[in-house]
Amino acid sequence: MTDECLFCRIAEGRTDTKLMFEDDTLVVFKDIHPHAPVHLLVVPKKHIRSVNDLGQEDGPIVAHLISVARDMARQQGIDRSGYKLLFNVESGGGQVIFHLHLHLLGGFG
């Protein structure tokens, strides 16, 4: 993990960010600029710059990100109405913070 990376600092507990979930692999917290009534970020503790930097060894991390996002959707009460899971990849794909993270968006209806 790096000192310059905001999501590394959050995952290490070095900010006042309120975590909604944490385990040995990842953390979940609310996006500070939400684009939906429910907008959570699911962030691995391991610093992986983007989807383009995933290695074969990271497959279990990605699977866990998706699994926890599904569980968080259920916890937030949006699992039946529907939700989106989104990875932004690189600047042209909308990635702003260069630490892999999965957006969970829902609560529209």
PDB file of N, CA and C in Angstrom:
ATOM      1  N   MET A   1       0.837  -1.178   0.000  1.00  0.00           N
ATOM      2  CA  MET A   1       0.000   0.000   0.000  1.00  0.00           C
ATOM      3  C   MET A   1       0.883   1.243   0.000  1.00  0.00           C
ATOM      4  N   THR A   2       0.333   2.297  -0.558  1.00  0.00           N
ATOM      5  CA  THR A   2       1.140   3.493  -0.696  1.00  0.00           C
ATOM      6  C   THR A   2       0.563   4.646   0.105  1.00  0.00           C
ATOM      7  N   ASP A   3       1.429   5.529   0.562  1.00  0.00           N
ATOM      8  CA  ASP A   3       1.016   6.698   1.328  1.00  0.00           C
ATOM      9  C   ASP A   3       0.192   7.680   0.500  1.00  0.00           C
ATOM     10  N   GLU A   4       0.467   7.754  -0.795  1.00  0.00           N
ATOM     11  CA  GLU A   4      -0.211   8.715  -1.654  1.00  0.00           C
ATOM     12  C   GLU A   4      -1.622   8.286  -2.019  1.00  0.00           C
ATOM     13  N   CYS A   5      -1.940   7.015  -1.892  1.00  0.00           N
ATOM     14  CA  CYS A   5      -3.218   6.488  -2.360  1.00  0.00           C
ATOM     15  C   CYS A   5      -4.304   6.667  -1.294  1.00  0.00           C
ATOM     16  N   LEU A   6      -5.335   7.432  -1.633  1.00  0.00           N
ATOM     17  CA  LEU A   6      -6.435   7.685  -0.706  1.00  0.00           C
ATOM     18  C   LEU A   6      -7.098   6.383  -0.262  1.00  0.00           C
ATOM     19  N   PHE A   7      -7.363   5.479  -1.194  1.00  0.00           N
ATOM     20  CA  PHE A   7      -8.061   4.247  -0.833  1.00  0.00           C
ATOM     21  C   PHE A   7      -7.179   3.333   0.021  1.00  0.00           C
ATOM     22  N   CYS A   8      -5.876   3.372  -0.156  1.00  0.00           N
ATOM     23  CA  CYS A   8      -4.977   2.631   0.743  1.00  0.00           C
ATOM     24  C   CYS A   8      -5.086   3.192   2.152  1.00  0.00           C
ATOM     25  N   ARG A   9      -5.096   4.515   2.270  1.00  0.00           N
ATOM     26  CA  ARG A   9      -5.200   5.135   3.599  1.00  0.00           C
ATOM     27  C   ARG A   9      -6.531   4.779   4.258  1.00  0.00           C
ATOM     28  N   ILE A  10      -7.614   4.793   3.478  1.00  0.00           N
ATOM     29  CA  ILE A  10      -8.927   4.415   4.021  1.00  0.00           C
ATOM     30  C   ILE A  10      -8.897   2.956   4.480  1.00  0.00           C
ATOM     31  N   ALA A  11      -8.380   2.068   3.631  1.00  0.00           N
ATOM     32  CA  ALA A  11      -8.337   0.637   3.957  1.00  0.00           C
ATOM     33  C   ALA A  11      -7.481   0.352   5.183  1.00  0.00           C
ATOM     34  N   GLU A  12      -6.479   1.184   5.413  1.00  0.00           N
ATOM     35  CA  GLU A  12      -5.598   1.025   6.570  1.00  0.00           C
ATOM     36  C   GLU A  12      -6.149   1.704   7.823  1.00  0.00           C
ATOM     37  N   GLY A  13      -7.302   2.359   7.710  1.00  0.00           N
ATOM     38  CA  GLY A  13      -7.898   3.024   8.859  1.00  0.00           C
ATOM     39  C   GLY A  13      -7.243   4.341   9.218  1.00  0.00           C
ATOM     40  N   ARG A  14      -6.576   4.962   8.241  1.00  0.00           N
ATOM     41  CA  ARG A  14      -5.859   6.210   8.515  1.00  0.00           C
ATOM     42  C   ARG A  14      -6.655   7.455   8.136  1.00  0.00           C
ATOM     43  N   THR A  15      -7.970   7.288   7.940  1.00  0.00           N
ATOM     44  CA  THR A  15      -8.856   8.429   7.695  1.00  0.00           C
ATOM     45  C   THR A  15     -10.051   8.277   8.628  1.00  0.00           C
ATOM     46  N   ASP A  16     -10.928   9.262   8.628  1.00  0.00           N
ATOM     47  CA  ASP A  16     -12.126   9.156   9.461  1.00  0.00           C
ATOM     48  C   ASP A  16     -13.314   8.574   8.687  1.00  0.00           C
ATOM     49  N   THR A  17     -13.046   7.925   7.576  1.00  0.00           N
ATOM     50  CA  THR A  17     -14.091   7.313   6.757  1.00  0.00           C
ATOM     51  C   THR A  17     -14.817   6.237   7.556  1.00  0.00           C
ATOM     52  N   LYS A  18     -16.151   6.317   7.567  1.00  0.00           N
ATOM     53  CA  LYS A  18     -16.958   5.315   8.261  1.00  0.00           C
ATOM     54  C   LYS A  18     -17.112   4.095   7.345  1.00  0.00           C
ATOM     55  N   LEU A  19     -16.581   2.970   7.784  1.00  0.00           N
ATOM     56  CA  LEU A  19     -16.683   1.743   6.998  1.00  0.00           C
ATOM     57  C   LEU A  19     -18.016   1.066   7.270  1.00  0.00           C
ATOM     58  N   MET A  20     -18.634   0.586   6.212  1.00  0.00           N
ATOM     59  CA  MET A  20     -19.887  -0.145   6.337  1.00  0.00           C
ATOM     60  C   MET A  20     -19.632  -1.648   6.450  1.00  0.00           C
ATOM     61  N   PHE A  21     -18.439  -2.069   6.006  1.00  0.00           N
ATOM     62  CA  PHE A  21     -18.044  -3.474   6.070  1.00  0.00           C
ATOM     63  C   PHE A  21     -16.529  -3.526   5.957  1.00  0.00           C
ATOM     64  N   GLU A  22     -15.947  -4.496   6.637  1.00  0.00           N
ATOM     65  CA  GLU A  22     -14.512  -4.731   6.522  1.00  0.00           C
ATOM     66  C   GLU A  22     -14.235  -6.189   6.836  1.00  0.00           C
ATOM     67  N   ASP A  23     -13.323  -6.775   6.070  1.00  0.00           N
ATOM     68  CA  ASP A  23     -12.777  -8.084   6.389  1.00  0.00           C
ATOM     69  C   ASP A  23     -11.290  -8.056   6.055  1.00  0.00           C
ATOM     70  N   ASP A  24     -10.651  -9.199   5.992  1.00  0.00           N
ATOM     71  CA  ASP A  24      -9.206  -9.238   5.731  1.00  0.00           C
ATOM     72  C   ASP A  24      -8.837  -8.780   4.327  1.00  0.00           C
ATOM     73  N   THR A  25      -9.799  -8.807   3.397  1.00  0.00           N
ATOM     74  CA  THR A  25      -9.533  -8.557   1.986  1.00  0.00           C
ATOM     75  C   THR A  25      -9.962  -7.185   1.501  1.00  0.00           C
ATOM     76  N   LEU A  26     -11.057  -6.639   2.061  1.00  0.00           N
ATOM     77  CA  LEU A  26     -11.625  -5.417   1.484  1.00  0.00           C
ATOM     78  C   LEU A  26     -12.365  -4.589   2.510  1.00  0.00           C
ATOM     79  N   VAL A  27     -12.719  -3.375   2.070  1.00  0.00           N
ATOM     80  CA  VAL A  27     -13.557  -2.461   2.855  1.00  0.00           C
ATOM     81  C   VAL A  27     -14.677  -1.936   1.958  1.00  0.00           C
ATOM     82  N   VAL A  28     -15.769  -1.519   2.598  1.00  0.00           N
ATOM     83  CA  VAL A  28     -16.899  -0.920   1.880  1.00  0.00           C
ATOM     84  C   VAL A  28     -17.256   0.378   2.592  1.00  0.00           C
ATOM     85  N   PHE A  29     -17.478   1.431   1.805  1.00  0.00           N
ATOM     86  CA  PHE A  29     -17.878   2.718   2.361  1.00  0.00           C
ATOM     87  C   PHE A  29     -18.688   3.489   1.326  1.00  0.00           C
ATOM     88  N   LYS A  30     -19.381   4.533   1.781  1.00  0.00           N
ATOM     89  CA  LYS A  30     -20.208   5.349   0.893  1.00  0.00           C
ATOM     90  C   LYS A  30     -19.332   6.247   0.029  1.00  0.00           C
ATOM     91  N   ASP A  31     -19.726   6.406  -1.225  1.00  0.00           N
ATOM     92  CA  ASP A  31     -19.062   7.342  -2.127  1.00  0.00           C
ATOM     93  C   ASP A  31     -19.377   8.763  -1.664  1.00  0.00           C
ATOM     94  N   ILE A  32     -18.380   9.628  -1.603  1.00  0.00           N
ATOM     95  CA  ILE A  32     -18.620  10.996  -1.130  1.00  0.00           C
ATOM     96  C   ILE A  32     -19.297  11.874  -2.187  1.00  0.00           C
ATOM     97  N   HIS A  33     -19.339  11.405  -3.432  1.00  0.00           N
ATOM     98  CA  HIS A  33     -20.046  12.100  -4.510  1.00  0.00           C
ATOM     99  C   HIS A  33     -21.016  11.108  -5.154  1.00  0.00           C
ATOM    100  N   PRO A  34     -22.101  10.762  -4.441  1.00  0.00           N
ATOM    101  CA  PRO A  34     -22.986   9.694  -4.933  1.00  0.00           C
ATOM    102  C   PRO A  34     -23.710  10.051  -6.224  1.00  0.00           C
ATOM    103  N   HIS A  35     -23.852   9.031  -7.063  1.00  0.00           N
ATOM    104  CA  HIS A  35     -24.593   9.149  -8.326  1.00  0.00           C
ATOM    105  C   HIS A  35     -25.877   8.347  -8.282  1.00  0.00           C
ATOM    106  N   ALA A  36     -26.266   7.893  -7.090  1.00  0.00           N
ATOM    107  CA  ALA A  36     -27.476   7.108  -6.897  1.00  0.00           C
ATOM    108  C   ALA A  36     -27.867   7.211  -5.434  1.00  0.00           C
ATOM    109  N   PRO A  37     -29.121   6.916  -5.110  1.00  0.00           N
ATOM    110  CA  PRO A  37     -29.522   6.926  -3.703  1.00  0.00           C
ATOM    111  C   PRO A  37     -28.645   6.020  -2.831  1.00  0.00           C
ATOM    112  N   VAL A  38     -28.248   4.884  -3.373  1.00  0.00           N
ATOM    113  CA  VAL A  38     -27.262   4.019  -2.718  1.00  0.00           C
ATOM    114  C   VAL A  38     -26.046   3.982  -3.637  1.00  0.00           C
ATOM    115  N   HIS A  39     -24.903   4.462  -3.154  1.00  0.00           N
ATOM    116  CA  HIS A  39     -23.673   4.443  -3.946  1.00  0.00           C
ATOM    117  C   HIS A  39     -22.529   4.098  -3.000  1.00  0.00           C
ATOM    118  N   LEU A  40     -22.150   2.830  -3.033  1.00  0.00           N
ATOM    119  CA  LEU A  40     -21.088   2.328  -2.177  1.00  0.00           C
ATOM    120  C   LEU A  40     -19.871   1.971  -3.009  1.00  0.00           C
ATOM    121  N   LEU A  41     -18.706   2.045  -2.384  1.00  0.00           N
ATOM    122  CA  LEU A  41     -17.462   1.623  -3.015  1.00  0.00           C
ATOM    123  C   LEU A  41     -16.955   0.385  -2.288  1.00  0.00           C
ATOM    124  N   VAL A  42     -16.632  -0.633  -3.064  1.00  0.00           N
ATOM    125  CA  VAL A  42     -16.090  -1.882  -2.544  1.00  0.00           C
ATOM    126  C   VAL A  42     -14.631  -1.910  -2.989  1.00  0.00           C
ATOM    127  N   VAL A  43     -13.716  -1.848  -1.998  1.00  0.00           N
ATOM    128  CA  VAL A  43     -12.311  -1.567  -2.281  1.00  0.00           C
ATOM    129  C   VAL A  43     -11.408  -2.636  -1.663  1.00  0.00           C
ATOM    130  N   PRO A  44     -10.576  -3.288  -2.490  1.00  0.00           N
ATOM    131  CA  PRO A  44      -9.650  -4.262  -1.906  1.00  0.00           C
ATOM    132  C   PRO A  44      -8.571  -3.565  -1.082  1.00  0.00           C
ATOM    133  N   LYS A  45      -8.109  -4.237  -0.051  1.00  0.00           N
ATOM    134  CA  LYS A  45      -7.015  -3.688   0.749  1.00  0.00           C
ATOM    135  C   LYS A  45      -5.702  -3.742  -0.008  1.00  0.00           C
ATOM    136  N   LYS A  46      -5.560  -4.726  -0.870  1.00  0.00           N
ATOM    137  CA  LYS A  46      -4.352  -4.824  -1.700  1.00  0.00           C
ATOM    138  C   LYS A  46      -4.394  -3.704  -2.733  1.00  0.00           C
ATOM    139  N   HIS A  47      -3.304  -2.976  -2.871  1.00  0.00           N
ATOM    140  CA  HIS A  47      -3.265  -1.918  -3.879  1.00  0.00           C
ATOM    141  C   HIS A  47      -3.092  -2.542  -5.261  1.00  0.00           C
ATOM    142  N   ILE A  48      -4.150  -2.430  -6.054  1.00  0.00           N
ATOM    143  CA  ILE A  48      -4.140  -2.815  -7.465  1.00  0.00           C
ATOM    144  C   ILE A  48      -4.577  -1.557  -8.201  1.00  0.00           C
ATOM    145  N   ARG A  49      -3.770  -1.070  -9.095  1.00  0.00           N
ATOM    146  CA  ARG A  49      -4.004   0.233  -9.712  1.00  0.00           C
ATOM    147  C   ARG A  49      -5.327   0.303 -10.481  1.00  0.00           C
ATOM    148  N   SER A  50      -5.614  -0.679 -11.318  1.00  0.00           N
ATOM    149  CA  SER A  50      -6.863  -0.698 -12.090  1.00  0.00           C
ATOM    150  C   SER A  50      -7.123  -2.115 -12.577  1.00  0.00           C
ATOM    151  N   VAL A  51      -8.235  -2.304 -13.253  1.00  0.00           N
ATOM    152  CA  VAL A  51      -8.548  -3.605 -13.848  1.00  0.00           C
ATOM    153  C   VAL A  51      -7.407  -4.047 -14.755  1.00  0.00           C
ATOM    154  N   ASN A  52      -6.777  -3.094 -15.439  1.00  0.00           N
ATOM    155  CA  ASN A  52      -5.669  -3.419 -16.348  1.00  0.00           C
ATOM    156  C   ASN A  52      -4.463  -4.014 -15.636  1.00  0.00           C
ATOM    157  N   ASP A  53      -4.392  -3.846 -14.323  1.00  0.00           N
ATOM    158  CA  ASP A  53      -3.248  -4.329 -13.558  1.00  0.00           C
ATOM    159  C   ASP A  53      -3.535  -5.611 -12.778  1.00  0.00           C
ATOM    160  N   LEU A  54      -4.708  -6.189 -12.985  1.00  0.00           N
ATOM    161  CA  LEU A  54      -5.046  -7.444 -12.308  1.00  0.00           C
ATOM    162  C   LEU A  54      -4.177  -8.576 -12.824  1.00  0.00           C
ATOM    163  N   GLY A  55      -3.717  -9.412 -11.903  1.00  0.00           N
ATOM    164  CA  GLY A  55      -2.989 -10.616 -12.265  1.00  0.00           C
ATOM    165  C   GLY A  55      -3.878 -11.826 -12.027  1.00  0.00           C
ATOM    166  N   GLN A  56      -3.462 -12.973 -12.527  1.00  0.00           N
ATOM    167  CA  GLN A  56      -4.235 -14.194 -12.318  1.00  0.00           C
ATOM    168  C   GLN A  56      -4.448 -14.463 -10.838  1.00  0.00           C
ATOM    169  N   GLU A  57      -3.462 -14.114 -10.029  1.00  0.00           N
ATOM    170  CA  GLU A  57      -3.553 -14.342  -8.591  1.00  0.00           C
ATOM    171  C   GLU A  57      -4.621 -13.472  -7.923  1.00  0.00           C
ATOM    172  N   ASP A  58      -5.122 -12.455  -8.635  1.00  0.00           N
ATOM    173  CA  ASP A  58      -6.119 -11.548  -8.080  1.00  0.00           C
ATOM    174  C   ASP A  58      -7.558 -11.993  -8.334  1.00  0.00           C
ATOM    175  N   GLY A  59      -7.732 -13.094  -9.036  1.00  0.00           N
ATOM    176  CA  GLY A  59      -9.080 -13.601  -9.315  1.00  0.00           C
ATOM    177  C   GLY A  59      -9.944 -13.750  -8.070  1.00  0.00           C
ATOM    178  N   PRO A  60      -9.423 -14.340  -6.998  1.00  0.00           N
ATOM    179  CA  PRO A  60     -10.245 -14.461  -5.784  1.00  0.00           C
ATOM    180  C   PRO A  60     -10.654 -13.109  -5.188  1.00  0.00           C
ATOM    181  N   ILE A  61      -9.810 -12.105  -5.336  1.00  0.00           N
ATOM    182  CA  ILE A  61     -10.164 -10.767  -4.827  1.00  0.00           C
ATOM    183  C   ILE A  61     -11.347 -10.215  -5.611  1.00  0.00           C
ATOM    184  N   VAL A  62     -11.314 -10.332  -6.929  1.00  0.00           N
ATOM    185  CA  VAL A  62     -12.407  -9.818  -7.764  1.00  0.00           C
ATOM    186  C   VAL A  62     -13.704 -10.554  -7.449  1.00  0.00           C
ATOM    187  N   ALA A  63     -13.625 -11.864  -7.319  1.00  0.00           N
ATOM    188  CA  ALA A  63     -14.820 -12.645  -6.974  1.00  0.00           C
ATOM    189  C   ALA A  63     -15.380 -12.192  -5.632  1.00  0.00           C
ATOM    190  N   HIS A  64     -14.502 -11.914  -4.676  1.00  0.00           N
ATOM    191  CA  HIS A  64     -14.944 -11.474  -3.351  1.00  0.00           C
ATOM    192  C   HIS A  64     -15.552 -10.077  -3.414  1.00  0.00           C
ATOM    193  N   LEU A  65     -14.989  -9.189  -4.221  1.00  0.00           N
ATOM    194  CA  LEU A  65     -15.574  -7.855  -4.397  1.00  0.00           C
ATOM    195  C   LEU A  65     -17.026  -7.976  -4.847  1.00  0.00           C
ATOM    196  N   ILE A  66     -17.269  -8.821  -5.839  1.00  0.00           N
ATOM    197  CA  ILE A  66     -18.618  -8.983  -6.385  1.00  0.00           C
ATOM    198  C   ILE A  66     -19.549  -9.615  -5.356  1.00  0.00           C
ATOM    199  N   SER A  67     -19.062 -10.622  -4.665  1.00  0.00           N
ATOM    200  CA  SER A  67     -19.867 -11.300  -3.648  1.00  0.00           C
ATOM    201  C   SER A  67     -20.272 -10.347  -2.525  1.00  0.00           C
ATOM    202  N   VAL A  68     -19.330  -9.553  -2.038  1.00  0.00           N
ATOM    203  CA  VAL A  68     -19.630  -8.598  -0.973  1.00  0.00           C
ATOM    204  C   VAL A  68     -20.569  -7.501  -1.492  1.00  0.00           C
ATOM    205  N   ALA A  69     -20.382  -7.061  -2.730  1.00  0.00           N
ATOM    206  CA  ALA A  69     -21.289  -6.060  -3.309  1.00  0.00           C
ATOM    207  C   ALA A  69     -22.716  -6.604  -3.340  1.00  0.00           C
ATOM    208  N   ARG A  70     -22.883  -7.855  -3.728  1.00  0.00           N
ATOM    209  CA  ARG A  70     -24.214  -8.486  -3.732  1.00  0.00           C
ATOM    210  C   ARG A  70     -24.804  -8.485  -2.326  1.00  0.00           C
ATOM    211  N   ASP A  71     -23.984  -8.848  -1.341  1.00  0.00           N
ATOM    212  CA  ASP A  71     -24.450  -8.889   0.047  1.00  0.00           C
ATOM    213  C   ASP A  71     -24.809  -7.491   0.555  1.00  0.00           C
ATOM    214  N   MET A  72     -24.026  -6.488   0.168  1.00  0.00           N
ATOM    215  CA  MET A  72     -24.317  -5.115   0.567  1.00  0.00           C
ATOM    216  C   MET A  72     -25.608  -4.613  -0.093  1.00  0.00           C
ATOM    217  N   ALA A  73     -25.854  -5.021  -1.339  1.00  0.00           N
ATOM    218  CA  ALA A  73     -27.109  -4.657  -2.011  1.00  0.00           C
ATOM    219  C   ALA A  73     -28.289  -5.231  -1.233  1.00  0.00           C
ATOM    220  N   ARG A  74     -28.147  -6.462  -0.797  1.00  0.00           N
ATOM    221  CA  ARG A  74     -29.203  -7.097   0.003  1.00  0.00           C
ATOM    222  C   ARG A  74     -29.383  -6.322   1.316  1.00  0.00           C
ATOM    223  N   GLN A  75     -28.282  -5.996   1.974  1.00  0.00           N
ATOM    224  CA  GLN A  75     -28.332  -5.271   3.244  1.00  0.00           C
ATOM    225  C   GLN A  75     -28.980  -3.899   3.085  1.00  0.00           C
ATOM    226  N   GLN A  76     -28.742  -3.248   1.950  1.00  0.00           N
ATOM    227  CA  GLN A  76     -29.289  -1.915   1.684  1.00  0.00           C
ATOM    228  C   GLN A  76     -30.725  -1.968   1.152  1.00  0.00           C
ATOM    229  N   GLY A  77     -31.246  -3.178   0.936  1.00  0.00           N
ATOM    230  CA  GLY A  77     -32.620  -3.337   0.481  1.00  0.00           C
ATOM    231  C   GLY A  77     -32.844  -3.039  -0.984  1.00  0.00           C
ATOM    232  N   ILE A  78     -31.782  -3.149  -1.791  1.00  0.00           N
ATOM    233  CA  ILE A  78     -31.932  -2.865  -3.228  1.00  0.00           C
ATOM    234  C   ILE A  78     -31.716  -4.105  -4.088  1.00  0.00           C
ATOM    235  N   ASP A  79     -31.561  -5.257  -3.467  1.00  0.00           N
ATOM    236  CA  ASP A  79     -31.266  -6.467  -4.231  1.00  0.00           C
ATOM    237  C   ASP A  79     -32.422  -6.875  -5.136  1.00  0.00           C
ATOM    238  N   ARG A  80     -33.643  -6.676  -4.723  1.00  0.00           N
ATOM    239  CA  ARG A  80     -34.797  -7.088  -5.543  1.00  0.00           C
ATOM    240  C   ARG A  80     -35.192  -6.021  -6.563  1.00  0.00           C
ATOM    241  N   SER A  81     -35.033  -4.753  -6.220  1.00  0.00           N
ATOM    242  CA  SER A  81     -35.404  -3.686  -7.167  1.00  0.00           C
ATOM    243  C   SER A  81     -34.352  -3.532  -8.257  1.00  0.00           C
ATOM    244  N   GLY A  82     -33.099  -3.916  -7.955  1.00  0.00           N
ATOM    245  CA  GLY A  82     -32.036  -3.873  -8.949  1.00  0.00           C
ATOM    246  C   GLY A  82     -30.941  -2.888  -8.606  1.00  0.00           C
ATOM    247  N   TYR A  83     -29.767  -3.176  -9.134  1.00  0.00           N
ATOM    248  CA  TYR A  83     -28.589  -2.348  -8.868  1.00  0.00           C
ATOM    249  C   TYR A  83     -27.571  -2.556  -9.976  1.00  0.00           C
ATOM    250  N   LYS A  84     -26.571  -1.685 -10.002  1.00  0.00           N
ATOM    251  CA  LYS A  84     -25.480  -1.772 -10.964  1.00  0.00           C
ATOM    252  C   LYS A  84     -24.181  -2.020 -10.221  1.00  0.00           C
ATOM    253  N   LEU A  85     -23.306  -2.795 -10.846  1.00  0.00           N
ATOM    254  CA  LEU A  85     -21.934  -2.959 -10.379  1.00  0.00           C
ATOM    255  C   LEU A  85     -21.048  -2.420 -11.494  1.00  0.00           C
ATOM    256  N   LEU A  86     -20.116  -1.538 -11.161  1.00  0.00           N
ATOM    257  CA  LEU A  86     -19.350  -0.839 -12.185  1.00  0.00           C
ATOM    258  C   LEU A  86     -17.884  -0.686 -11.792  1.00  0.00           C
ATOM    259  N   PHE A  87     -17.000  -1.083 -12.709  1.00  0.00           N
ATOM    260  CA  PHE A  87     -15.581  -0.774 -12.600  1.00  0.00           C
ATOM    261  C   PHE A  87     -15.287   0.306 -13.631  1.00  0.00           C
ATOM    262  N   ASN A  88     -14.751   1.449 -13.214  1.00  0.00           N
ATOM    263  CA  ASN A  88     -14.235   2.437 -14.158  1.00  0.00           C
ATOM    264  C   ASN A  88     -12.763   2.083 -14.378  1.00  0.00           C
ATOM    265  N   VAL A  89     -12.339   2.085 -15.646  1.00  0.00           N
ATOM    266  CA  VAL A  89     -10.971   1.666 -15.964  1.00  0.00           C
ATOM    267  C   VAL A  89     -10.235   2.773 -16.703  1.00  0.00           C
ATOM    268  N   GLU A  90      -9.196   3.291 -16.053  1.00  0.00           N
ATOM    269  CA  GLU A  90      -8.336   4.348 -16.577  1.00  0.00           C
ATOM    270  C   GLU A  90      -9.128   5.653 -16.746  1.00  0.00           C
ATOM    271  N   SER A  91      -8.423   6.736 -17.005  1.00  0.00           N
ATOM    272  CA  SER A  91      -9.031   8.067 -17.086  1.00  0.00           C
ATOM    273  C   SER A  91     -10.142   8.134 -18.111  1.00  0.00           C
ATOM    274  N   GLY A  92      -9.914   7.559 -19.277  1.00  0.00           N
ATOM    275  CA  GLY A  92     -10.911   7.592 -20.338  1.00  0.00           C
ATOM    276  C   GLY A  92     -12.177   6.824 -19.996  1.00  0.00           C
ATOM    277  N   GLY A  93     -12.081   5.919 -19.027  1.00  0.00           N
ATOM    278  CA  GLY A  93     -13.232   5.152 -18.571  1.00  0.00           C
ATOM    279  C   GLY A  93     -13.838   5.710 -17.299  1.00  0.00           C
ATOM    280  N   GLY A  94     -13.363   6.871 -16.875  1.00  0.00           N
ATOM    281  CA  GLY A  94     -13.932   7.532 -15.714  1.00  0.00           C
ATOM    282  C   GLY A  94     -13.243   7.244 -14.393  1.00  0.00           C
ATOM    283  N   GLN A  95     -12.134   6.492 -14.416  1.00  0.00           N
ATOM    284  CA  GLN A  95     -11.427   6.219 -13.165  1.00  0.00           C
ATOM    285  C   GLN A  95     -10.719   7.485 -12.702  1.00  0.00           C
ATOM    286  N   VAL A  96     -10.962   7.875 -11.450  1.00  0.00           N
ATOM    287  CA  VAL A  96     -10.376   9.085 -10.882  1.00  0.00           C
ATOM    288  C   VAL A  96      -9.326   8.726  -9.835  1.00  0.00           C
ATOM    289  N   ILE A  97      -9.625   7.736  -9.008  1.00  0.00           N
ATOM    290  CA  ILE A  97      -8.669   7.265  -8.008  1.00  0.00           C
ATOM    291  C   ILE A  97      -8.089   5.953  -8.523  1.00  0.00           C
ATOM    292  N   PHE A  98      -6.788   5.910  -8.648  1.00  0.00           N
ATOM    293  CA  PHE A  98      -6.137   4.761  -9.271  1.00  0.00           C
ATOM    294  C   PHE A  98      -5.785   3.695  -8.242  1.00  0.00           C
ATOM    295  N   HIS A  99      -6.857   3.110  -7.726  1.00  0.00           N
ATOM    296  CA  HIS A  99      -6.841   1.948  -6.841  1.00  0.00           C
ATOM    297  C   HIS A  99      -8.131   1.218  -7.199  1.00  0.00           C
ATOM    298  N   LEU A 100      -8.020  -0.010  -7.641  1.00  0.00           N
ATOM    299  CA  LEU A 100      -9.183  -0.784  -8.070  1.00  0.00           C
ATOM    300  C   LEU A 100     -10.329  -0.638  -7.075  1.00  0.00           C
ATOM    301  N   HIS A 101     -11.533  -0.384  -7.573  1.00  0.00           N
ATOM    302  CA  HIS A 101     -12.718  -0.332  -6.731  1.00  0.00           C
ATOM    303  C   HIS A 101     -13.957  -0.594  -7.562  1.00  0.00           C
ATOM    304  N   LEU A 102     -14.927  -1.181  -6.909  1.00  0.00           N
ATOM    305  CA  LEU A 102     -16.194  -1.539  -7.547  1.00  0.00           C
ATOM    306  C   LEU A 102     -17.291  -0.636  -6.992  1.00  0.00           C
ATOM    307  N   HIS A 103     -18.024   0.025  -7.895  1.00  0.00           N
ATOM    308  CA  HIS A 103     -19.148   0.866  -7.498  1.00  0.00           C
ATOM    309  C   HIS A 103     -20.398  -0.013  -7.424  1.00  0.00           C
ATOM    310  N   LEU A 104     -21.151   0.143  -6.339  1.00  0.00           N
ATOM    311  CA  LEU A 104     -22.481  -0.452  -6.195  1.00  0.00           C
ATOM    312  C   LEU A 104     -23.460   0.702  -6.204  1.00  0.00           C
ATOM    313  N   LEU A 105     -24.325   0.744  -7.222  1.00  0.00           N
ATOM    314  CA  LEU A 105     -25.284   1.838  -7.383  1.00  0.00           C
ATOM    315  C   LEU A 105     -26.694   1.275  -7.468  1.00  0.00           C
ATOM    316  N   GLY A 106     -27.610   1.879  -6.746  1.00  0.00           N
ATOM    317  CA  GLY A 106     -28.996   1.432  -6.792  1.00  0.00           C
ATOM    318  C   GLY A 106     -29.892   2.327  -5.988  1.00  0.00           C
ATOM    319  N   GLY A 107     -31.121   1.836  -5.784  1.00  0.00           N
ATOM    320  CA  GLY A 107     -32.105   2.573  -5.012  1.00  0.00           C
ATOM    321  C   GLY A 107     -32.919   3.538  -5.838  1.00  0.00           C
ATOM    322  N   PHE A 108     -32.962   3.327  -7.152  1.00  0.00           N
ATOM    323  CA  PHE A 108     -33.699   4.231  -8.040  1.00  0.00           C
ATOM    324  C   PHE A 108     -35.198   3.974  -8.034  1.00  0.00           C
ATOM    325  N   GLY A 109     -35.615   2.785  -7.618  1.00  0.00           N
ATOM    326  CA  GLY A 109     -37.043   2.537  -7.746  1.00  0.00           C
ATOM    327  C   GLY A 109     -37.545   1.458  -6.964  1.00  0.00           C
TER     328      GLY A 109
END
